[in-house]
Amino acid sequence: MTTKTQRPGEISASIMCADISHLVETLQILADENVEYLHIDVMDGHFVPNYALGMDHIKKIRELSDIPMDFHLMITDPEEKIDWFKFGPGDVVIVHYESTRHIIKALEAIRATGAKPGIALNPGTPVFVLDEVLDFIDVIAAMTVNPGFAGQQIVPGSFDKVRRLKNYLIEKGHDDIEIEVDGNVSFENARLLREAGADIFVAGTSSVFHGSMDRHEATKKLREAIA
């Protein structure tokens, strides 16, 4: 284990993977299980070849749950669209390094809303691109699949990249920045990613929303894996 400090592992439940016909029940289960975040994927069909989740859908989720939201903005030029959203205190808002030529402008716009800014790195994006933005972020999302679709297999090398990212943050004096992992975070992968230094675990069809498990059971099992 390479961490200097060990924060409690946190769950960010991917609402894109929830059964919309049982959304109210699901949100209550997530609240009962003390899930830390609702993961809100926003896709524009341009930065990634898919669409999710719409503004009206997000607004309704906000009305139904008090759990803070973890926004993953997979959109081009996010700095131009921050005011489309109503972020709340405790929310995390993550934009992609690869999505804009003005990454610091995007991060400052997020901070101005009161939310916690974060930056996502695609699997092929090197860690060193973070050198100029560490003072502007609270979270780094290491993508362990290529963004855009649920149900993918983890990209080889993801565990090593998270480990290198954790060491990098320690060396830079920024171990206060949390590492989020997103993509095929199965129970076993979550355990290995936790050992590598991850703090926040985006939970989709590989864990919390696993088709063959009860939501309570699946959430408890993931919680054990990231303890």
C-alpha atoms as a PDB file:
ATOM      1  CA  MET A   1       0.000   0.000   0.000  1.00  0.00           C
ATOM      2  CA  THR A   2       1.432   3.344  -1.053  1.00  0.00           C
ATOM      3  CA  THR A   3      -0.850   5.738   0.829  1.00  0.00           C
ATOM      4  CA  LYS A   4       0.426   8.173   3.416  1.00  0.00           C
ATOM      5  CA  THR A   5      -3.085   8.495   4.846  1.00  0.00           C
ATOM      6  CA  GLN A   6      -6.048   6.163   4.570  1.00  0.00           C
ATOM      7  CA  ARG A   7      -9.474   7.770   4.269  1.00  0.00           C
ATOM      8  CA  PRO A   8     -12.606   5.660   4.559  1.00  0.00           C
ATOM      9  CA  GLY A   9     -13.644   4.265   1.186  1.00  0.00           C
ATOM     10  CA  GLU A  10     -16.747   5.926  -0.287  1.00  0.00           C
ATOM     11  CA  ILE A  11     -19.422   4.681  -2.693  1.00  0.00           C
ATOM     12  CA  SER A  12     -20.752   6.715  -5.612  1.00  0.00           C
ATOM     13  CA  ALA A  13     -23.767   4.795  -6.927  1.00  0.00           C
ATOM     14  CA  SER A  14     -24.220   5.157 -10.700  1.00  0.00           C
ATOM     15  CA  ILE A  15     -27.811   6.223 -11.299  1.00  0.00           C
ATOM     16  CA  MET A  16     -27.455   5.514 -15.033  1.00  0.00           C
ATOM     17  CA  CYS A  17     -27.382   1.831 -14.051  1.00  0.00           C
ATOM     18  CA  ALA A  18     -30.478   1.951 -11.825  1.00  0.00           C
ATOM     19  CA  ASP A  19     -33.840   0.519 -12.897  1.00  0.00           C
ATOM     20  CA  ILE A  20     -35.838   3.677 -13.564  1.00  0.00           C
ATOM     21  CA  SER A  21     -39.111   1.879 -12.825  1.00  0.00           C
ATOM     22  CA  HIS A  22     -37.939   1.376  -9.212  1.00  0.00           C
ATOM     23  CA  LEU A  23     -36.003   4.616  -8.790  1.00  0.00           C
ATOM     24  CA  VAL A  24     -37.742   5.812  -5.620  1.00  0.00           C
ATOM     25  CA  GLU A  25     -37.192   2.475  -3.896  1.00  0.00           C
ATOM     26  CA  THR A  26     -33.580   2.351  -5.070  1.00  0.00           C
ATOM     27  CA  LEU A  27     -32.800   5.836  -3.779  1.00  0.00           C
ATOM     28  CA  GLN A  28     -34.231   4.891  -0.390  1.00  0.00           C
ATOM     29  CA  ILE A  29     -32.063   1.769  -0.251  1.00  0.00           C
ATOM     30  CA  LEU A  30     -28.981   3.834  -1.092  1.00  0.00           C
ATOM     31  CA  ALA A  31     -29.888   6.263   1.690  1.00  0.00           C
ATOM     32  CA  ASP A  32     -30.456   3.405   4.150  1.00  0.00           C
ATOM     33  CA  GLU A  33     -27.019   2.024   3.254  1.00  0.00           C
ATOM     34  CA  ASN A  34     -25.401   5.454   3.797  1.00  0.00           C
ATOM     35  CA  VAL A  35     -24.064   5.653   0.253  1.00  0.00           C
ATOM     36  CA  GLU A  36     -21.958   8.806   0.061  1.00  0.00           C
ATOM     37  CA  TYR A  37     -22.811   9.967  -3.478  1.00  0.00           C
ATOM     38  CA  LEU A  38     -25.229   9.505  -6.355  1.00  0.00           C
ATOM     39  CA  HIS A  39     -23.092   9.310  -9.492  1.00  0.00           C
ATOM     40  CA  ILE A  40     -24.668  11.389 -12.256  1.00  0.00           C
ATOM     41  CA  ASP A  41     -23.297  10.709 -15.730  1.00  0.00           C
ATOM     42  CA  VAL A  42     -23.897  13.551 -18.193  1.00  0.00           C
ATOM     43  CA  MET A  43     -23.065  12.741 -21.836  1.00  0.00           C
ATOM     44  CA  ASP A  44     -23.531  15.002 -24.847  1.00  0.00           C
ATOM     45  CA  GLY A  45     -23.138  12.597 -27.779  1.00  0.00           C
ATOM     46  CA  HIS A  46     -20.045  14.530 -28.835  1.00  0.00           C
ATOM     47  CA  PHE A  47     -17.299  14.039 -26.268  1.00  0.00           C
ATOM     48  CA  VAL A  48     -18.580  10.463 -25.890  1.00  0.00           C
ATOM     49  CA  PRO A  49     -20.852   8.552 -28.311  1.00  0.00           C
ATOM     50  CA  ASN A  50     -23.829   8.323 -25.957  1.00  0.00           C
ATOM     51  CA  TYR A  51     -26.446  10.485 -24.220  1.00  0.00           C
ATOM     52  CA  ALA A  52     -27.265  10.705 -20.475  1.00  0.00           C
ATOM     53  CA  LEU A  53     -28.676  12.099 -18.110  1.00  0.00           C
ATOM     54  CA  GLY A  54     -31.025  14.982 -19.016  1.00  0.00           C
ATOM     55  CA  MET A  55     -31.583  18.107 -16.919  1.00  0.00           C
ATOM     56  CA  ASP A  56     -35.171  17.180 -16.047  1.00  0.00           C
ATOM     57  CA  HIS A  57     -34.073  13.711 -14.946  1.00  0.00           C
ATOM     58  CA  ILE A  58     -31.358  15.175 -12.711  1.00  0.00           C
ATOM     59  CA  LYS A  59     -33.785  17.686 -11.208  1.00  0.00           C
ATOM     60  CA  LYS A  60     -36.228  14.901 -10.333  1.00  0.00           C
ATOM     61  CA  ILE A  61     -33.478  12.817  -8.697  1.00  0.00           C
ATOM     62  CA  ARG A  62     -32.531  15.858  -6.620  1.00  0.00           C
ATOM     63  CA  GLU A  63     -36.138  16.188  -5.470  1.00  0.00           C
ATOM     64  CA  LEU A  64     -36.231  12.523  -4.456  1.00  0.00           C
ATOM     65  CA  SER A  65     -32.954  12.280  -2.530  1.00  0.00           C
ATOM     66  CA  ASP A  66     -30.764  14.304  -0.184  1.00  0.00           C
ATOM     67  CA  ILE A  67     -27.638  12.281  -1.029  1.00  0.00           C
ATOM     68  CA  PRO A  68     -24.920  14.538  -2.499  1.00  0.00           C
ATOM     69  CA  MET A  69     -24.345  14.148  -6.208  1.00  0.00           C
ATOM     70  CA  ASP A  70     -21.125  13.208  -7.980  1.00  0.00           C
ATOM     71  CA  PHE A  71     -21.466  14.712 -11.459  1.00  0.00           C
ATOM     72  CA  HIS A  72     -19.341  13.229 -14.241  1.00  0.00           C
ATOM     73  CA  LEU A  73     -19.567  15.712 -17.107  1.00  0.00           C
ATOM     74  CA  MET A  74     -18.602  13.873 -20.284  1.00  0.00           C
ATOM     75  CA  ILE A  75     -19.271  16.947 -22.387  1.00  0.00           C
ATOM     76  CA  THR A  76     -17.273  19.167 -24.728  1.00  0.00           C
ATOM     77  CA  ASP A  77     -16.299  22.638 -23.448  1.00  0.00           C
ATOM     78  CA  PRO A  78     -17.827  22.195 -19.968  1.00  0.00           C
ATOM     79  CA  GLU A  79     -16.758  25.705 -18.910  1.00  0.00           C
ATOM     80  CA  GLU A  80     -19.527  27.057 -21.176  1.00  0.00           C
ATOM     81  CA  LYS A  81     -22.220  24.875 -19.591  1.00  0.00           C
ATOM     82  CA  ILE A  82     -21.648  24.960 -15.814  1.00  0.00           C
ATOM     83  CA  ASP A  83     -24.561  27.361 -15.334  1.00  0.00           C
ATOM     84  CA  TRP A  84     -26.919  24.798 -16.875  1.00  0.00           C
ATOM     85  CA  PHE A  85     -26.734  22.889 -13.590  1.00  0.00           C
ATOM     86  CA  LYS A  86     -27.708  23.632 -10.018  1.00  0.00           C
ATOM     87  CA  PHE A  87     -24.953  22.101  -7.935  1.00  0.00           C
ATOM     88  CA  GLY A  88     -25.442  21.785  -4.197  1.00  0.00           C
ATOM     89  CA  PRO A  89     -23.120  21.926  -1.199  1.00  0.00           C
ATOM     90  CA  GLY A  90     -21.222  18.651  -0.917  1.00  0.00           C
ATOM     91  CA  ASP A  91     -21.601  17.832  -4.609  1.00  0.00           C
ATOM     92  CA  VAL A  92     -18.576  16.772  -6.633  1.00  0.00           C
ATOM     93  CA  VAL A  93     -18.350  17.971 -10.244  1.00  0.00           C
ATOM     94  CA  ILE A  94     -15.832  16.233 -12.490  1.00  0.00           C
ATOM     95  CA  VAL A  95     -14.814  17.418 -15.954  1.00  0.00           C
ATOM     96  CA  HIS A  96     -12.466  15.692 -18.354  1.00  0.00           C
ATOM     97  CA  TYR A  97      -8.975  17.015 -18.954  1.00  0.00           C
ATOM     98  CA  GLU A  98      -9.435  16.003 -22.589  1.00  0.00           C
ATOM     99  CA  SER A  99     -12.748  17.860 -23.055  1.00  0.00           C
ATOM    100  CA  THR A 100     -11.573  21.472 -23.098  1.00  0.00           C
ATOM    101  CA  ARG A 101      -8.699  23.807 -23.955  1.00  0.00           C
ATOM    102  CA  HIS A 102      -9.586  25.836 -20.860  1.00  0.00           C
ATOM    103  CA  ILE A 103      -9.503  23.328 -18.019  1.00  0.00           C
ATOM    104  CA  ILE A 104      -8.674  25.825 -15.259  1.00  0.00           C
ATOM    105  CA  LYS A 105     -11.548  28.070 -16.361  1.00  0.00           C
ATOM    106  CA  ALA A 106     -13.890  25.083 -16.047  1.00  0.00           C
ATOM    107  CA  LEU A 107     -12.560  24.149 -12.596  1.00  0.00           C
ATOM    108  CA  GLU A 108     -12.843  27.732 -11.321  1.00  0.00           C
ATOM    109  CA  ALA A 109     -16.430  27.930 -12.574  1.00  0.00           C
ATOM    110  CA  ILE A 110     -17.273  24.778 -10.617  1.00  0.00           C
ATOM    111  CA  ARG A 111     -15.613  26.079  -7.449  1.00  0.00           C
ATOM    112  CA  ALA A 112     -17.632  29.297  -7.739  1.00  0.00           C
ATOM    113  CA  THR A 113     -20.871  27.277  -7.425  1.00  0.00           C
ATOM    114  CA  GLY A 114     -19.802  25.884  -4.042  1.00  0.00           C
ATOM    115  CA  ALA A 115     -19.273  22.362  -5.378  1.00  0.00           C
ATOM    116  CA  LYS A 116     -16.002  20.418  -5.213  1.00  0.00           C
ATOM    117  CA  PRO A 117     -14.178  20.456  -8.566  1.00  0.00           C
ATOM    118  CA  GLY A 118     -12.621  17.330  -9.964  1.00  0.00           C
ATOM    119  CA  ILE A 119     -10.826  16.247 -13.097  1.00  0.00           C
ATOM    120  CA  ALA A 120     -11.119  12.947 -14.970  1.00  0.00           C
ATOM    121  CA  LEU A 121      -8.338  11.267 -16.900  1.00  0.00           C
ATOM    122  CA  ASN A 122      -9.090   8.804 -19.681  1.00  0.00           C
ATOM    123  CA  PRO A 123      -7.112   5.533 -19.577  1.00  0.00           C
ATOM    124  CA  GLY A 124      -4.607   6.800 -22.142  1.00  0.00           C
ATOM    125  CA  THR A 125      -4.042  10.214 -20.532  1.00  0.00           C
ATOM    126  CA  PRO A 126      -0.814  10.377 -18.493  1.00  0.00           C
ATOM    127  CA  VAL A 127      -0.722  11.431 -14.856  1.00  0.00           C
ATOM    128  CA  PHE A 128       1.736  14.287 -15.430  1.00  0.00           C
ATOM    129  CA  VAL A 129      -0.932  16.444 -17.146  1.00  0.00           C
ATOM    130  CA  LEU A 130      -2.159  17.199 -13.621  1.00  0.00           C
ATOM    131  CA  ASP A 131       0.947  19.268 -12.816  1.00  0.00           C
ATOM    132  CA  GLU A 132      -0.735  22.613 -13.492  1.00  0.00           C
ATOM    133  CA  VAL A 133      -4.155  21.907 -11.964  1.00  0.00           C
ATOM    134  CA  LEU A 134      -3.475  20.346  -8.555  1.00  0.00           C
ATOM    135  CA  ASP A 135      -4.265  23.605  -6.741  1.00  0.00           C
ATOM    136  CA  PHE A 136      -7.689  23.757  -8.412  1.00  0.00           C
ATOM    137  CA  ILE A 137      -9.123  20.312  -7.655  1.00  0.00           C
ATOM    138  CA  ASP A 138     -10.445  18.197  -4.787  1.00  0.00           C
ATOM    139  CA  VAL A 139     -10.938  14.934  -6.701  1.00  0.00           C
ATOM    140  CA  ILE A 140      -9.219  13.057  -9.529  1.00  0.00           C
ATOM    141  CA  ALA A 141     -11.277  10.457 -11.378  1.00  0.00           C
ATOM    142  CA  ALA A 142      -9.101   7.761 -12.893  1.00  0.00           C
ATOM    143  CA  MET A 143     -11.133   6.213 -15.690  1.00  0.00           C
ATOM    144  CA  THR A 144     -10.618   2.461 -15.654  1.00  0.00           C
ATOM    145  CA  VAL A 145     -12.641   2.064 -18.873  1.00  0.00           C
ATOM    146  CA  ASN A 146     -13.040   4.355 -21.855  1.00  0.00           C
ATOM    147  CA  PRO A 147     -15.966   6.642 -20.975  1.00  0.00           C
ATOM    148  CA  GLY A 148     -19.412   6.464 -22.517  1.00  0.00           C
ATOM    149  CA  PHE A 149     -20.942   3.058 -21.800  1.00  0.00           C
ATOM    150  CA  ALA A 150     -21.635   0.827 -18.808  1.00  0.00           C
ATOM    151  CA  GLY A 151     -20.673  -2.846 -18.714  1.00  0.00           C
ATOM    152  CA  GLN A 152     -17.124  -2.625 -20.094  1.00  0.00           C
ATOM    153  CA  GLN A 153     -14.125  -4.607 -18.877  1.00  0.00           C
ATOM    154  CA  ILE A 154     -11.437  -2.829 -16.889  1.00  0.00           C
ATOM    155  CA  VAL A 155      -8.533  -1.512 -18.966  1.00  0.00           C
ATOM    156  CA  PRO A 156      -5.284  -3.418 -18.279  1.00  0.00           C
ATOM    157  CA  GLY A 157      -2.885  -1.311 -16.276  1.00  0.00           C
ATOM    158  CA  SER A 158      -5.599   0.515 -14.309  1.00  0.00           C
ATOM    159  CA  PHE A 159      -4.404  -0.795 -10.957  1.00  0.00           C
ATOM    160  CA  ASP A 160      -0.851   0.328 -11.621  1.00  0.00           C
ATOM    161  CA  LYS A 161      -2.043   3.740 -12.816  1.00  0.00           C
ATOM    162  CA  VAL A 162      -4.005   4.323  -9.611  1.00  0.00           C
ATOM    163  CA  ARG A 163      -0.960   3.294  -7.599  1.00  0.00           C
ATOM    164  CA  ARG A 164       1.242   5.694  -9.562  1.00  0.00           C
ATOM    165  CA  LEU A 165      -1.354   8.433  -9.181  1.00  0.00           C
ATOM    166  CA  LYS A 166      -1.415   7.972  -5.411  1.00  0.00           C
ATOM    167  CA  ASN A 167       2.385   8.134  -5.215  1.00  0.00           C
ATOM    168  CA  TYR A 168       2.362  11.203  -7.458  1.00  0.00           C
ATOM    169  CA  LEU A 169      -0.063  13.033  -5.134  1.00  0.00           C
ATOM    170  CA  ILE A 170       2.027  12.170  -2.085  1.00  0.00           C
ATOM    171  CA  GLU A 171       5.203  13.386  -3.794  1.00  0.00           C
ATOM    172  CA  LYS A 172       3.498  16.644  -4.842  1.00  0.00           C
ATOM    173  CA  GLY A 173       2.177  17.276  -1.338  1.00  0.00           C
ATOM    174  CA  HIS A 174      -1.447  16.866  -2.462  1.00  0.00           C
ATOM    175  CA  ASP A 175      -2.475  13.675  -0.700  1.00  0.00           C
ATOM    176  CA  ASP A 176      -5.600  15.590   0.380  1.00  0.00           C
ATOM    177  CA  ILE A 177      -6.978  15.129  -3.165  1.00  0.00           C
ATOM    178  CA  GLU A 178      -9.260  12.090  -3.335  1.00  0.00           C
ATOM    179  CA  ILE A 179      -8.894   9.478  -6.064  1.00  0.00           C
ATOM    180  CA  GLU A 180     -12.103   8.240  -7.648  1.00  0.00           C
ATOM    181  CA  VAL A 181     -12.211   5.159  -9.879  1.00  0.00           C
ATOM    182  CA  ASP A 182     -14.845   4.697 -12.552  1.00  0.00           C
ATOM    183  CA  GLY A 183     -15.373   1.650 -14.753  1.00  0.00           C
ATOM    184  CA  ASN A 184     -15.930  -2.063 -14.043  1.00  0.00           C
ATOM    185  CA  VAL A 185     -15.574  -1.516 -10.299  1.00  0.00           C
ATOM    186  CA  SER A 186     -16.524  -5.079  -9.403  1.00  0.00           C
ATOM    187  CA  PHE A 187     -16.155  -6.365  -5.861  1.00  0.00           C
ATOM    188  CA  GLU A 188     -12.736  -7.868  -6.608  1.00  0.00           C
ATOM    189  CA  ASN A 189     -11.553  -4.925  -8.710  1.00  0.00           C
ATOM    190  CA  ALA A 190     -12.714  -2.552  -5.972  1.00  0.00           C
ATOM    191  CA  ARG A 191     -10.607  -4.408  -3.420  1.00  0.00           C
ATOM    192  CA  LEU A 192      -7.524  -4.190  -5.647  1.00  0.00           C
ATOM    193  CA  LEU A 193      -8.161  -0.534  -6.495  1.00  0.00           C
ATOM    194  CA  ARG A 194      -8.535   0.218  -2.787  1.00  0.00           C
ATOM    195  CA  GLU A 195      -5.172  -1.402  -2.136  1.00  0.00           C
ATOM    196  CA  ALA A 196      -3.715   0.760  -4.937  1.00  0.00           C
ATOM    197  CA  GLY A 197      -4.939   3.934  -3.224  1.00  0.00           C
ATOM    198  CA  ALA A 198      -8.470   4.705  -4.473  1.00  0.00           C
ATOM    199  CA  ASP A 199     -10.911   6.562  -2.191  1.00  0.00           C
ATOM    200  CA  ILE A 200     -14.225   6.857  -4.091  1.00  0.00           C
ATOM    201  CA  PHE A 201     -15.711   3.946  -6.027  1.00  0.00           C
ATOM    202  CA  VAL A 202     -18.257   4.447  -8.807  1.00  0.00           C
ATOM    203  CA  ALA A 203     -20.637   1.531  -8.420  1.00  0.00           C
ATOM    204  CA  GLY A 204     -22.612   0.261 -11.390  1.00  0.00           C
ATOM    205  CA  THR A 205     -23.640  -3.065 -12.870  1.00  0.00           C
ATOM    206  CA  SER A 206     -20.494  -4.775 -11.572  1.00  0.00           C
ATOM    207  CA  SER A 207     -21.430  -4.201  -7.928  1.00  0.00           C
ATOM    208  CA  VAL A 208     -24.304  -2.198  -6.404  1.00  0.00           C
ATOM    209  CA  PHE A 209     -26.521  -2.686  -9.468  1.00  0.00           C
ATOM    210  CA  HIS A 210     -25.477  -6.275 -10.144  1.00  0.00           C
ATOM    211  CA  GLY A 211     -28.441  -8.022 -11.744  1.00  0.00           C
ATOM    212  CA  SER A 212     -28.343 -11.142  -9.601  1.00  0.00           C
ATOM    213  CA  MET A 213     -28.087  -9.449  -6.190  1.00  0.00           C
ATOM    214  CA  ASP A 214     -30.329  -7.543  -3.836  1.00  0.00           C
ATOM    215  CA  ARG A 215     -29.349  -3.847  -3.657  1.00  0.00           C
ATOM    216  CA  HIS A 216     -28.805  -4.019   0.113  1.00  0.00           C
ATOM    217  CA  GLU A 217     -26.665  -7.135  -0.196  1.00  0.00           C
ATOM    218  CA  ALA A 218     -24.631  -5.753  -3.090  1.00  0.00           C
ATOM    219  CA  THR A 219     -23.960  -2.424  -1.362  1.00  0.00           C
ATOM    220  CA  LYS A 220     -22.844  -4.158   1.824  1.00  0.00           C
ATOM    221  CA  LYS A 221     -20.528  -6.434  -0.167  1.00  0.00           C
ATOM    222  CA  LEU A 222     -18.930  -3.454  -1.919  1.00  0.00           C
ATOM    223  CA  ARG A 223     -18.563  -1.664   1.407  1.00  0.00           C
ATOM    224  CA  GLU A 224     -16.635  -4.638   2.767  1.00  0.00           C
ATOM    225  CA  ALA A 225     -14.363  -4.668  -0.301  1.00  0.00           C
ATOM    226  CA  ILE A 226     -13.349  -1.009   0.146  1.00  0.00           C
ATOM    227  CA  ALA A 227     -13.058  -0.968   3.935  1.00  0.00           C
END
